[in-house]
């Protein structure tokens, strides 16, 4: 089975700050069955998640989306 991949593209004026916060979360909760890469260019944040295990890929995707939602809510406070 080939690797499966999901790309999350998130556009926000504070993309670099969001990347920094995501890296903190990612470091505290390592993924064992997936590989992820976070890249920021200007206002665009791109998260690429790869895995051979579809349930693990889905779980990592959900985790990143939850982190993004929590960070966005926290920035509104």
C-alpha atoms as a PDB file:
ATOM      1  CA  UNK A   1       0.000   0.000   0.000  1.00  0.00           C
ATOM      2  CA  UNK A   2       1.295   3.440  -0.908  1.00  0.00           C
ATOM      3  CA  UNK A   3       1.523   6.221   1.604  1.00  0.00           C
ATOM      4  CA  UNK A   4      -1.625   8.254   2.059  1.00  0.00           C
ATOM      5  CA  UNK A   5      -1.326  11.995   2.453  1.00  0.00           C
ATOM      6  CA  UNK A   6      -3.496  14.874   3.614  1.00  0.00           C
ATOM      7  CA  UNK A   7      -2.607  18.533   3.173  1.00  0.00           C
ATOM      8  CA  UNK A   8      -4.210  21.164   5.356  1.00  0.00           C
ATOM      9  CA  UNK A   9      -3.941  24.696   3.965  1.00  0.00           C
ATOM     10  CA  UNK A  10      -4.763  27.420   6.480  1.00  0.00           C
ATOM     11  CA  UNK A  11      -4.618  31.118   5.623  1.00  0.00           C
ATOM     12  CA  UNK A  12      -4.291  33.540   8.519  1.00  0.00           C
ATOM     13  CA  UNK A  13      -2.490  36.850   9.056  1.00  0.00           C
ATOM     14  CA  UNK A  14      -0.673  35.294  12.043  1.00  0.00           C
ATOM     15  CA  UNK A  15       0.353  32.089  10.254  1.00  0.00           C
ATOM     16  CA  UNK A  16       3.921  32.186  11.629  1.00  0.00           C
ATOM     17  CA  UNK A  17       2.666  32.460  15.232  1.00  0.00           C
ATOM     18  CA  UNK A  18       0.192  29.625  14.630  1.00  0.00           C
ATOM     19  CA  UNK A  19       3.028  27.492  13.252  1.00  0.00           C
ATOM     20  CA  UNK A  20       5.030  28.122  16.442  1.00  0.00           C
ATOM     21  CA  UNK A  21       2.080  27.092  18.621  1.00  0.00           C
ATOM     22  CA  UNK A  22       1.408  23.983  16.528  1.00  0.00           C
ATOM     23  CA  UNK A  23       5.033  22.902  16.873  1.00  0.00           C
ATOM     24  CA  UNK A  24       4.732  23.152  20.672  1.00  0.00           C
ATOM     25  CA  UNK A  25       1.635  20.929  20.606  1.00  0.00           C
ATOM     26  CA  UNK A  26       3.198  18.501  18.160  1.00  0.00           C
ATOM     27  CA  UNK A  27       6.312  18.142  20.342  1.00  0.00           C
ATOM     28  CA  UNK A  28       4.230  17.325  23.402  1.00  0.00           C
ATOM     29  CA  UNK A  29       2.170  14.682  21.601  1.00  0.00           C
ATOM     30  CA  UNK A  30       4.343  12.773  19.139  1.00  0.00           C
ATOM     31  CA  UNK A  31       2.708  10.767  16.390  1.00  0.00           C
ATOM     32  CA  UNK A  32       4.176   7.290  15.949  1.00  0.00           C
ATOM     33  CA  UNK A  33       2.413   6.122  12.802  1.00  0.00           C
ATOM     34  CA  UNK A  34       2.376   9.379  10.881  1.00  0.00           C
ATOM     35  CA  UNK A  35       4.866  11.935   9.639  1.00  0.00           C
ATOM     36  CA  UNK A  36       3.932  15.576   9.514  1.00  0.00           C
ATOM     37  CA  UNK A  37       5.511  18.690   8.102  1.00  0.00           C
ATOM     38  CA  UNK A  38       4.497  22.265   8.889  1.00  0.00           C
ATOM     39  CA  UNK A  39       5.505  25.033   6.487  1.00  0.00           C
ATOM     40  CA  UNK A  40       4.580  28.723   6.579  1.00  0.00           C
ATOM     41  CA  UNK A  41       4.950  31.109   3.686  1.00  0.00           C
ATOM     42  CA  UNK A  42       3.586  34.628   4.153  1.00  0.00           C
ATOM     43  CA  UNK A  43       0.017  34.187   5.470  1.00  0.00           C
ATOM     44  CA  UNK A  44      -0.297  30.552   4.378  1.00  0.00           C
ATOM     45  CA  UNK A  45       0.261  27.638   6.727  1.00  0.00           C
ATOM     46  CA  UNK A  46       0.553  24.197   5.133  1.00  0.00           C
ATOM     47  CA  UNK A  47       0.451  21.012   7.186  1.00  0.00           C
ATOM     48  CA  UNK A  48       1.268  17.795   5.340  1.00  0.00           C
ATOM     49  CA  UNK A  49       0.481  14.508   7.091  1.00  0.00           C
ATOM     50  CA  UNK A  50       1.618  11.164   5.653  1.00  0.00           C
ATOM     51  CA  UNK A  51       1.038   7.592   6.771  1.00  0.00           C
ATOM     52  CA  UNK A  52       0.558   4.057   5.504  1.00  0.00           C
ATOM     53  CA  UNK A  53      -2.093   3.584   8.183  1.00  0.00           C
ATOM     54  CA  UNK A  54      -5.390   5.287   7.211  1.00  0.00           C
ATOM     55  CA  UNK A  55      -6.868   5.331  10.769  1.00  0.00           C
ATOM     56  CA  UNK A  56      -3.632   6.925  12.060  1.00  0.00           C
ATOM     57  CA  UNK A  57      -3.766   9.483   9.236  1.00  0.00           C
ATOM     58  CA  UNK A  58      -7.356  10.335  10.148  1.00  0.00           C
ATOM     59  CA  UNK A  59      -6.457  10.619  13.822  1.00  0.00           C
ATOM     60  CA  UNK A  60      -3.543  12.967  13.124  1.00  0.00           C
ATOM     61  CA  UNK A  61      -5.726  15.055  10.815  1.00  0.00           C
ATOM     62  CA  UNK A  62      -8.380  15.388  13.529  1.00  0.00           C
ATOM     63  CA  UNK A  63      -5.743  16.303  16.103  1.00  0.00           C
ATOM     64  CA  UNK A  64      -4.258  19.054  13.927  1.00  0.00           C
ATOM     65  CA  UNK A  65      -7.732  20.426  13.147  1.00  0.00           C
ATOM     66  CA  UNK A  66      -8.593  20.492  16.863  1.00  0.00           C
ATOM     67  CA  UNK A  67      -5.334  22.298  17.624  1.00  0.00           C
ATOM     68  CA  UNK A  68      -6.033  24.836  14.868  1.00  0.00           C
ATOM     69  CA  UNK A  69      -9.540  25.492  16.199  1.00  0.00           C
ATOM     70  CA  UNK A  70      -8.255  25.849  19.779  1.00  0.00           C
ATOM     71  CA  UNK A  71      -5.465  28.216  18.712  1.00  0.00           C
ATOM     72  CA  UNK A  72      -7.864  30.329  16.673  1.00  0.00           C
ATOM     73  CA  UNK A  73     -10.298  30.559  19.599  1.00  0.00           C
ATOM     74  CA  UNK A  74      -7.470  31.466  21.954  1.00  0.00           C
ATOM     75  CA  UNK A  75      -6.283  34.241  19.632  1.00  0.00           C
ATOM     76  CA  UNK A  76      -9.758  35.805  19.757  1.00  0.00           C
ATOM     77  CA  UNK A  77      -9.587  36.259  23.536  1.00  0.00           C
END
